[in-house]
PDB file of all heavy atoms in Angstrom:
ATOM      1  N   VAL A   1       3.670  -2.590  -5.878  1.00  0.00           N
ATOM      2  CA  VAL A   1       4.304  -2.793  -7.184  1.00  0.00           C
ATOM      3  C   VAL A   1       5.321  -1.681  -7.406  1.00  0.00           C
ATOM      4  O   VAL A   1       5.030  -0.503  -7.185  1.00  0.00           O
ATOM      5  CB  VAL A   1       3.266  -2.808  -8.313  1.00  0.00           C
ATOM      6  CG1 VAL A   1       3.952  -2.888  -9.679  1.00  0.00           C
ATOM      7  CG2 VAL A   1       2.315  -3.986  -8.136  1.00  0.00           C
ATOM      8  N   ILE A   2       6.511  -2.044  -7.847  1.00  0.00           N
ATOM      9  CA  ILE A   2       7.591  -1.084  -8.050  1.00  0.00           C
ATOM     10  C   ILE A   2       7.890  -0.974  -9.538  1.00  0.00           C
ATOM     11  O   ILE A   2       8.120  -1.986 -10.210  1.00  0.00           O
ATOM     12  CB  ILE A   2       8.856  -1.509  -7.288  1.00  0.00           C
ATOM     13  CG1 ILE A   2       8.566  -1.546  -5.779  1.00  0.00           C
ATOM     14  CG2 ILE A   2      10.021  -0.559  -7.582  1.00  0.00           C
ATOM     15  CD1 ILE A   2       9.704  -2.123  -4.963  1.00  0.00           C
ATOM     16  N   PHE A   3       7.905   0.259 -10.037  1.00  0.00           N
ATOM     17  CA  PHE A   3       8.207   0.521 -11.438  1.00  0.00           C
ATOM     18  C   PHE A   3       9.521   1.275 -11.557  1.00  0.00           C
ATOM     19  O   PHE A   3       9.737   2.273 -10.869  1.00  0.00           O
ATOM     20  CB  PHE A   3       7.099   1.360 -12.093  1.00  0.00           C
ATOM     21  CG  PHE A   3       5.775   0.663 -12.210  1.00  0.00           C
ATOM     22  CD1 PHE A   3       4.748   0.961 -11.331  1.00  0.00           C
ATOM     23  CD2 PHE A   3       5.564  -0.286 -13.188  1.00  0.00           C
ATOM     24  CE1 PHE A   3       3.521   0.331 -11.440  1.00  0.00           C
ATOM     25  CE2 PHE A   3       4.340  -0.927 -13.310  1.00  0.00           C
ATOM     26  CZ  PHE A   3       3.315  -0.622 -12.434  1.00  0.00           C
ATOM     27  N   GLY A   4      10.391   0.815 -12.461  1.00  0.00           N
ATOM     28  CA  GLY A   4      11.604   1.546 -12.779  1.00  0.00           C
ATOM     29  C   GLY A   4      11.318   2.652 -13.777  1.00  0.00           C
ATOM     30  O   GLY A   4      10.171   2.875 -14.186  1.00  0.00           O
ATOM     31  N   ASN A   5      12.358   3.344 -14.200  1.00  0.00           N
ATOM     32  CA  ASN A   5      12.198   4.446 -15.148  1.00  0.00           C
ATOM     33  C   ASN A   5      11.617   3.971 -16.478  1.00  0.00           C
ATOM     34  O   ASN A   5      11.995   2.913 -16.993  1.00  0.00           O
ATOM     35  CB  ASN A   5      13.548   5.109 -15.424  1.00  0.00           C
ATOM     36  CG  ASN A   5      14.086   5.858 -14.227  1.00  0.00           C
ATOM     37  OD1 ASN A   5      13.333   6.395 -13.422  1.00  0.00           O
ATOM     38  ND2 ASN A   5      15.405   5.895 -14.096  1.00  0.00           N
ATOM     39  N   HIS A   6      10.699   4.773 -17.018  1.00  0.00           N
ATOM     40  CA  HIS A   6      10.181   4.597 -18.376  1.00  0.00           C
ATOM     41  C   HIS A   6       9.534   3.227 -18.602  1.00  0.00           C
ATOM     42  O   HIS A   6       9.677   2.623 -19.659  1.00  0.00           O
ATOM     43  CB  HIS A   6      11.287   4.834 -19.400  1.00  0.00           C
ATOM     44  CG  HIS A   6      11.795   6.239 -19.402  1.00  0.00           C
ATOM     45  ND1 HIS A   6      11.104   7.284 -19.968  1.00  0.00           N
ATOM     46  CD2 HIS A   6      12.922   6.773 -18.856  1.00  0.00           C
ATOM     47  CE1 HIS A   6      11.798   8.400 -19.794  1.00  0.00           C
ATOM     48  NE2 HIS A   6      12.887   8.119 -19.114  1.00  0.00           N
ATOM     49  N   VAL A   7       8.832   2.741 -17.590  1.00  0.00           N
ATOM     50  CA  VAL A   7       7.987   1.562 -17.786  1.00  0.00           C
ATOM     51  C   VAL A   7       6.659   2.045 -18.359  1.00  0.00           C
ATOM     52  O   VAL A   7       6.011   2.925 -17.796  1.00  0.00           O
ATOM     53  CB  VAL A   7       7.764   0.788 -16.483  1.00  0.00           C
ATOM     54  CG1 VAL A   7       6.756  -0.344 -16.695  1.00  0.00           C
ATOM     55  CG2 VAL A   7       9.077   0.235 -15.952  1.00  0.00           C
ATOM     56  N   TYR A   8       6.264   1.468 -19.478  1.00  0.00           N
ATOM     57  CA  TYR A   8       5.024   1.875 -20.152  1.00  0.00           C
ATOM     58  C   TYR A   8       4.034   0.716 -20.076  1.00  0.00           C
ATOM     59  O   TYR A   8       4.279  -0.356 -20.623  1.00  0.00           O
ATOM     60  CB  TYR A   8       5.303   2.233 -21.611  1.00  0.00           C
ATOM     61  CG  TYR A   8       4.209   3.058 -22.266  1.00  0.00           C
ATOM     62  CD1 TYR A   8       4.429   4.383 -22.616  1.00  0.00           C
ATOM     63  CD2 TYR A   8       2.955   2.513 -22.541  1.00  0.00           C
ATOM     64  CE1 TYR A   8       3.429   5.147 -23.217  1.00  0.00           C
ATOM     65  CE2 TYR A   8       1.961   3.259 -23.131  1.00  0.00           C
ATOM     66  CZ  TYR A   8       2.205   4.582 -23.464  1.00  0.00           C
ATOM     67  OH  TYR A   8       1.217   5.324 -24.048  1.00  0.00           O
ATOM     68  N   VAL A   9       2.915   0.940 -19.378  1.00  0.00           N
ATOM     69  CA  VAL A   9       1.871  -0.073 -19.217  1.00  0.00           C
ATOM     70  C   VAL A   9       0.703   0.328 -20.106  1.00  0.00           C
ATOM     71  O   VAL A   9       0.017   1.316 -19.839  1.00  0.00           O
ATOM     72  CB  VAL A   9       1.429  -0.175 -17.748  1.00  0.00           C
ATOM     73  CG1 VAL A   9       0.417  -1.301 -17.580  1.00  0.00           C
ATOM     74  CG2 VAL A   9       2.634  -0.405 -16.836  1.00  0.00           C
ATOM     75  N   ASN A  10       0.478  -0.426 -21.165  1.00  0.00           N
ATOM     76  CA  ASN A  10      -0.593  -0.096 -22.104  1.00  0.00           C
ATOM     77  C   ASN A  10      -1.949  -0.533 -21.545  1.00  0.00           C
ATOM     78  O   ASN A  10      -2.029  -1.087 -20.447  1.00  0.00           O
ATOM     79  CB  ASN A  10      -0.311  -0.722 -23.470  1.00  0.00           C
ATOM     80  CG  ASN A  10      -0.799   0.152 -24.613  1.00  0.00           C
ATOM     81  OD1 ASN A  10      -1.784   0.852 -24.480  1.00  0.00           O
ATOM     82  ND2 ASN A  10      -0.109   0.095 -25.741  1.00  0.00           N
ATOM     83  N   PHE A  11      -3.013  -0.304 -22.311  1.00  0.00           N
ATOM     84  CA  PHE A  11      -4.355  -0.410 -21.760  1.00  0.00           C
ATOM     85  C   PHE A  11      -4.754  -1.839 -21.382  1.00  0.00           C
ATOM     86  O   PHE A  11      -4.298  -2.814 -21.963  1.00  0.00           O
ATOM     87  CB  PHE A  11      -5.388   0.198 -22.717  1.00  0.00           C
ATOM     88  CG  PHE A  11      -5.467  -0.448 -24.076  1.00  0.00           C
ATOM     89  CD1 PHE A  11      -6.329  -1.498 -24.319  1.00  0.00           C
ATOM     90  CD2 PHE A  11      -4.686   0.016 -25.127  1.00  0.00           C
ATOM     91  CE1 PHE A  11      -6.422  -2.079 -25.569  1.00  0.00           C
ATOM     92  CE2 PHE A  11      -4.765  -0.555 -26.380  1.00  0.00           C
ATOM     93  CZ  PHE A  11      -5.625  -1.611 -26.607  1.00  0.00           C
ATOM     94  N   MET A  12      -5.603  -1.925 -20.351  1.00  0.00           N
ATOM     95  CA  MET A  12      -6.231  -3.164 -19.875  1.00  0.00           C
ATOM     96  C   MET A  12      -5.217  -4.208 -19.424  1.00  0.00           C
ATOM     97  O   MET A  12      -5.420  -5.408 -19.582  1.00  0.00           O
ATOM     98  CB  MET A  12      -7.169  -3.738 -20.949  1.00  0.00           C
ATOM     99  CG  MET A  12      -8.321  -2.811 -21.299  1.00  0.00           C
ATOM    100  SD  MET A  12      -9.505  -3.520 -22.468  1.00  0.00           S
ATOM    101  CE  MET A  12     -10.306  -4.740 -21.415  1.00  0.00           C
ATOM    102  N   VAL A  13      -4.146  -3.768 -18.822  1.00  0.00           N
ATOM    103  CA  VAL A  13      -3.136  -4.667 -18.252  1.00  0.00           C
ATOM    104  C   VAL A  13      -3.456  -4.900 -16.777  1.00  0.00           C
ATOM    105  O   VAL A  13      -3.867  -3.988 -16.061  1.00  0.00           O
ATOM    106  CB  VAL A  13      -1.726  -4.063 -18.410  1.00  0.00           C
ATOM    107  CG1 VAL A  13      -0.705  -4.826 -17.573  1.00  0.00           C
ATOM    108  CG2 VAL A  13      -1.311  -4.064 -19.878  1.00  0.00           C
ATOM    109  N   GLY A  14      -3.264  -6.128 -16.324  1.00  0.00           N
ATOM    110  CA  GLY A  14      -3.421  -6.452 -14.913  1.00  0.00           C
ATOM    111  C   GLY A  14      -2.085  -6.856 -14.306  1.00  0.00           C
ATOM    112  O   GLY A  14      -1.373  -7.688 -14.874  1.00  0.00           O
ATOM    113  N   VAL A  15      -1.737  -6.259 -13.188  1.00  0.00           N
ATOM    114  CA  VAL A  15      -0.478  -6.556 -12.501  1.00  0.00           C
ATOM    115  C   VAL A  15      -0.781  -6.928 -11.058  1.00  0.00           C
ATOM    116  O   VAL A  15      -1.412  -6.156 -10.324  1.00  0.00           O
ATOM    117  CB  VAL A  15       0.481  -5.350 -12.534  1.00  0.00           C
ATOM    118  CG1 VAL A  15       1.747  -5.652 -11.738  1.00  0.00           C
ATOM    119  CG2 VAL A  15       0.834  -4.981 -13.973  1.00  0.00           C
ATOM    120  N   GLY A  16      -0.342  -8.119 -10.641  1.00  0.00           N
ATOM    121  CA  GLY A  16      -0.565  -8.574  -9.272  1.00  0.00           C
ATOM    122  C   GLY A  16       0.323  -7.866  -8.264  1.00  0.00           C
ATOM    123  O   GLY A  16       1.257  -7.137  -8.630  1.00  0.00           O
ATOM    124  N   HIS A  17       0.062  -8.112  -7.025  1.00  0.00           N
ATOM    125  CA  HIS A  17       0.785  -7.450  -5.936  1.00  0.00           C
ATOM    126  C   HIS A  17       2.268  -7.835  -5.904  1.00  0.00           C
ATOM    127  O   HIS A  17       2.676  -8.903  -6.360  1.00  0.00           O
ATOM    128  CB  HIS A  17       0.142  -7.800  -4.589  1.00  0.00           C
ATOM    129  CG  HIS A  17       0.085  -9.281  -4.329  1.00  0.00           C
ATOM    130  ND1 HIS A  17       1.143 -10.009  -3.823  1.00  0.00           N
ATOM    131  CD2 HIS A  17      -0.908 -10.179  -4.533  1.00  0.00           C
ATOM    132  CE1 HIS A  17       0.810 -11.283  -3.697  1.00  0.00           C
ATOM    133  NE2 HIS A  17      -0.440 -11.422  -4.142  1.00  0.00           N
ATOM    134  N   ASP A  18       3.073  -6.937  -5.379  1.00  0.00           N
ATOM    135  CA  ASP A  18       4.491  -7.180  -5.089  1.00  0.00           C
ATOM    136  C   ASP A  18       5.335  -7.499  -6.317  1.00  0.00           C
ATOM    137  O   ASP A  18       6.352  -8.179  -6.217  1.00  0.00           O
ATOM    138  CB  ASP A  18       4.643  -8.307  -4.053  1.00  0.00           C
ATOM    139  CG  ASP A  18       3.995  -7.952  -2.732  1.00  0.00           C
ATOM    140  OD1 ASP A  18       4.560  -7.116  -2.005  1.00  0.00           O
ATOM    141  OD2 ASP A  18       2.912  -8.500  -2.434  1.00  0.00           O
ATOM    142  N   CYS A  19       4.925  -7.006  -7.471  1.00  0.00           N
ATOM    143  CA  CYS A  19       5.749  -7.179  -8.671  1.00  0.00           C
ATOM    144  C   CYS A  19       6.804  -6.072  -8.751  1.00  0.00           C
ATOM    145  O   CYS A  19       6.619  -4.970  -8.218  1.00  0.00           O
ATOM    146  CB  CYS A  19       4.881  -7.131  -9.929  1.00  0.00           C
ATOM    147  SG  CYS A  19       3.822  -8.570 -10.152  1.00  0.00           S
ATOM    148  N   VAL A  20       7.902  -6.376  -9.429  1.00  0.00           N
ATOM    149  CA  VAL A  20       8.968  -5.395  -9.639  1.00  0.00           C
ATOM    150  C   VAL A  20       9.281  -5.337 -11.126  1.00  0.00           C
ATOM    151  O   VAL A  20       9.528  -6.360 -11.761  1.00  0.00           O
ATOM    152  CB  VAL A  20      10.246  -5.771  -8.853  1.00  0.00           C
ATOM    153  CG1 VAL A  20      11.366  -4.777  -9.156  1.00  0.00           C
ATOM    154  CG2 VAL A  20       9.974  -5.817  -7.360  1.00  0.00           C
ATOM    155  N   PHE A  21       9.250  -4.119 -11.675  1.00  0.00           N
ATOM    156  CA  PHE A  21       9.567  -3.908 -13.081  1.00  0.00           C
ATOM    157  C   PHE A  21      10.790  -3.003 -13.166  1.00  0.00           C
ATOM    158  O   PHE A  21      10.746  -1.848 -12.732  1.00  0.00           O
ATOM    159  CB  PHE A  21       8.400  -3.230 -13.808  1.00  0.00           C
ATOM    160  CG  PHE A  21       7.138  -4.046 -13.840  1.00  0.00           C
ATOM    161  CD1 PHE A  21       6.242  -4.006 -12.793  1.00  0.00           C
ATOM    162  CD2 PHE A  21       6.859  -4.849 -14.933  1.00  0.00           C
ATOM    163  CE1 PHE A  21       5.073  -4.761 -12.817  1.00  0.00           C
ATOM    164  CE2 PHE A  21       5.702  -5.600 -14.979  1.00  0.00           C
ATOM    165  CZ  PHE A  21       4.808  -5.565 -13.924  1.00  0.00           C
ATOM    166  N   ASP A  22      11.864  -3.507 -13.713  1.00  0.00           N
ATOM    167  CA  ASP A  22      13.024  -2.664 -13.936  1.00  0.00           C
ATOM    168  C   ASP A  22      12.769  -1.736 -15.129  1.00  0.00           C
ATOM    169  O   ASP A  22      11.773  -1.867 -15.843  1.00  0.00           O
ATOM    170  CB  ASP A  22      14.277  -3.507 -14.170  1.00  0.00           C
ATOM    171  CG  ASP A  22      14.739  -4.210 -12.901  1.00  0.00           C
ATOM    172  OD1 ASP A  22      14.318  -3.797 -11.808  1.00  0.00           O
ATOM    173  OD2 ASP A  22      15.527  -5.171 -13.004  1.00  0.00           O
ATOM    174  N   GLY A  23      13.680  -0.807 -15.374  1.00  0.00           N
ATOM    175  CA  GLY A  23      13.463   0.259 -16.323  1.00  0.00           C
ATOM    176  C   GLY A  23      13.289  -0.174 -17.763  1.00  0.00           C
ATOM    177  O   GLY A  23      13.756  -1.235 -18.179  1.00  0.00           O
ATOM    178  N   TYR A  24      12.559   0.670 -18.505  1.00  0.00           N
ATOM    179  CA  TYR A  24      12.417   0.575 -19.962  1.00  0.00           C
ATOM    180  C   TYR A  24      11.637  -0.652 -20.418  1.00  0.00           C
ATOM    181  O   TYR A  24      11.748  -1.072 -21.571  1.00  0.00           O
ATOM    182  CB  TYR A  24      13.793   0.633 -20.630  1.00  0.00           C
ATOM    183  CG  TYR A  24      14.571   1.842 -20.218  1.00  0.00           C
ATOM    184  CD1 TYR A  24      15.538   1.760 -19.230  1.00  0.00           C
ATOM    185  CD2 TYR A  24      14.305   3.087 -20.770  1.00  0.00           C
ATOM    186  CE1 TYR A  24      16.233   2.882 -18.793  1.00  0.00           C
ATOM    187  CE2 TYR A  24      14.989   4.216 -20.360  1.00  0.00           C
ATOM    188  CZ  TYR A  24      15.943   4.100 -19.367  1.00  0.00           C
ATOM    189  OH  TYR A  24      16.614   5.225 -18.940  1.00  0.00           O
ATOM    190  N   THR A  25      10.841  -1.211 -19.540  1.00  0.00           N
ATOM    191  CA  THR A  25       9.997  -2.341 -19.906  1.00  0.00           C
ATOM    192  C   THR A  25       8.716  -1.846 -20.572  1.00  0.00           C
ATOM    193  O   THR A  25       8.141  -0.842 -20.160  1.00  0.00           O
ATOM    194  CB  THR A  25       9.679  -3.196 -18.674  1.00  0.00           C
ATOM    195  OG1 THR A  25      10.849  -3.909 -18.286  1.00  0.00           O
ATOM    196  CG2 THR A  25       8.566  -4.180 -18.940  1.00  0.00           C
ATOM    197  N   GLN A  26       8.281  -2.568 -21.593  1.00  0.00           N
ATOM    198  CA  GLN A  26       7.047  -2.254 -22.314  1.00  0.00           C
ATOM    199  C   GLN A  26       6.054  -3.391 -22.093  1.00  0.00           C
ATOM    200  O   GLN A  26       6.365  -4.552 -22.392  1.00  0.00           O
ATOM    201  CB  GLN A  26       7.327  -2.098 -23.811  1.00  0.00           C
ATOM    202  CG  GLN A  26       6.108  -1.929 -24.684  1.00  0.00           C
ATOM    203  CD  GLN A  26       5.462  -0.556 -24.542  1.00  0.00           C
ATOM    204  OE1 GLN A  26       6.127   0.405 -24.139  1.00  0.00           O
ATOM    205  NE2 GLN A  26       4.192  -0.456 -24.878  1.00  0.00           N
ATOM    206  N   ILE A  27       4.864  -3.063 -21.566  1.00  0.00           N
ATOM    207  CA  ILE A  27       3.830  -4.067 -21.326  1.00  0.00           C
ATOM    208  C   ILE A  27       2.656  -3.742 -22.235  1.00  0.00           C
ATOM    209  O   ILE A  27       1.986  -2.721 -22.071  1.00  0.00           O
ATOM    210  CB  ILE A  27       3.385  -4.076 -19.858  1.00  0.00           C
ATOM    211  CG1 ILE A  27       4.600  -4.169 -18.934  1.00  0.00           C
ATOM    212  CG2 ILE A  27       2.439  -5.243 -19.596  1.00  0.00           C
ATOM    213  CD1 ILE A  27       4.267  -3.956 -17.489  1.00  0.00           C
ATOM    214  N   ASN A  28       2.389  -4.600 -23.182  1.00  0.00           N
ATOM    215  CA  ASN A  28       1.393  -4.317 -24.216  1.00  0.00           C
ATOM    216  C   ASN A  28      -0.026  -4.687 -23.776  1.00  0.00           C
ATOM    217  O   ASN A  28      -0.217  -5.375 -22.766  1.00  0.00           O
ATOM    218  CB  ASN A  28       1.788  -5.021 -25.508  1.00  0.00           C
ATOM    219  CG  ASN A  28       2.910  -4.288 -26.228  1.00  0.00           C
ATOM    220  OD1 ASN A  28       3.182  -3.123 -25.974  1.00  0.00           O
ATOM    221  ND2 ASN A  28       3.587  -4.984 -27.137  1.00  0.00           N
ATOM    222  N   PRO A  29      -1.040  -4.248 -24.528  1.00  0.00           N
ATOM    223  CA  PRO A  29      -2.432  -4.352 -24.081  1.00  0.00           C
ATOM    224  C   PRO A  29      -2.860  -5.756 -23.672  1.00  0.00           C
ATOM    225  O   PRO A  29      -2.543  -6.751 -24.331  1.00  0.00           O
ATOM    226  CB  PRO A  29      -3.218  -3.886 -25.317  1.00  0.00           C
ATOM    227  CG  PRO A  29      -2.303  -2.953 -26.016  1.00  0.00           C
ATOM    228  CD  PRO A  29      -0.939  -3.534 -25.825  1.00  0.00           C
ATOM    229  N   GLY A  30      -3.612  -5.801 -22.572  1.00  0.00           N
ATOM    230  CA  GLY A  30      -4.257  -7.031 -22.140  1.00  0.00           C
ATOM    231  C   GLY A  30      -3.376  -8.020 -21.424  1.00  0.00           C
ATOM    232  O   GLY A  30      -3.858  -9.082 -21.005  1.00  0.00           O
ATOM    233  N   ALA A  31      -2.090  -7.731 -21.240  1.00  0.00           N
ATOM    234  CA  ALA A  31      -1.209  -8.655 -20.537  1.00  0.00           C
ATOM    235  C   ALA A  31      -1.633  -8.788 -19.071  1.00  0.00           C
ATOM    236  O   ALA A  31      -2.110  -7.830 -18.468  1.00  0.00           O
ATOM    237  CB  ALA A  31       0.233  -8.191 -20.630  1.00  0.00           C
ATOM    238  N   GLN A  32      -1.466  -9.986 -18.522  1.00  0.00           N
ATOM    239  CA  GLN A  32      -1.806 -10.261 -17.127  1.00  0.00           C
ATOM    240  C   GLN A  32      -0.577 -10.858 -16.443  1.00  0.00           C
ATOM    241  O   GLN A  32      -0.049 -11.885 -16.886  1.00  0.00           O
ATOM    242  CB  GLN A  32      -2.986 -11.224 -17.037  1.00  0.00           C
ATOM    243  CG  GLN A  32      -4.250 -10.718 -17.720  1.00  0.00           C
ATOM    244  CD  GLN A  32      -4.812  -9.480 -17.060  1.00  0.00           C
ATOM    245  OE1 GLN A  32      -4.949  -9.419 -15.846  1.00  0.00           O
ATOM    246  NE2 GLN A  32      -5.149  -8.472 -17.870  1.00  0.00           N
TER     247      GLN A  32
END
């Protein structure tokens, strides 16, 4: 999994393999 600058992953988030997150993304609690 690749994270860009300032990606914030809040609590209890699940992220599958080979995902790409560009910068400044906000992932809120419990997202899958």
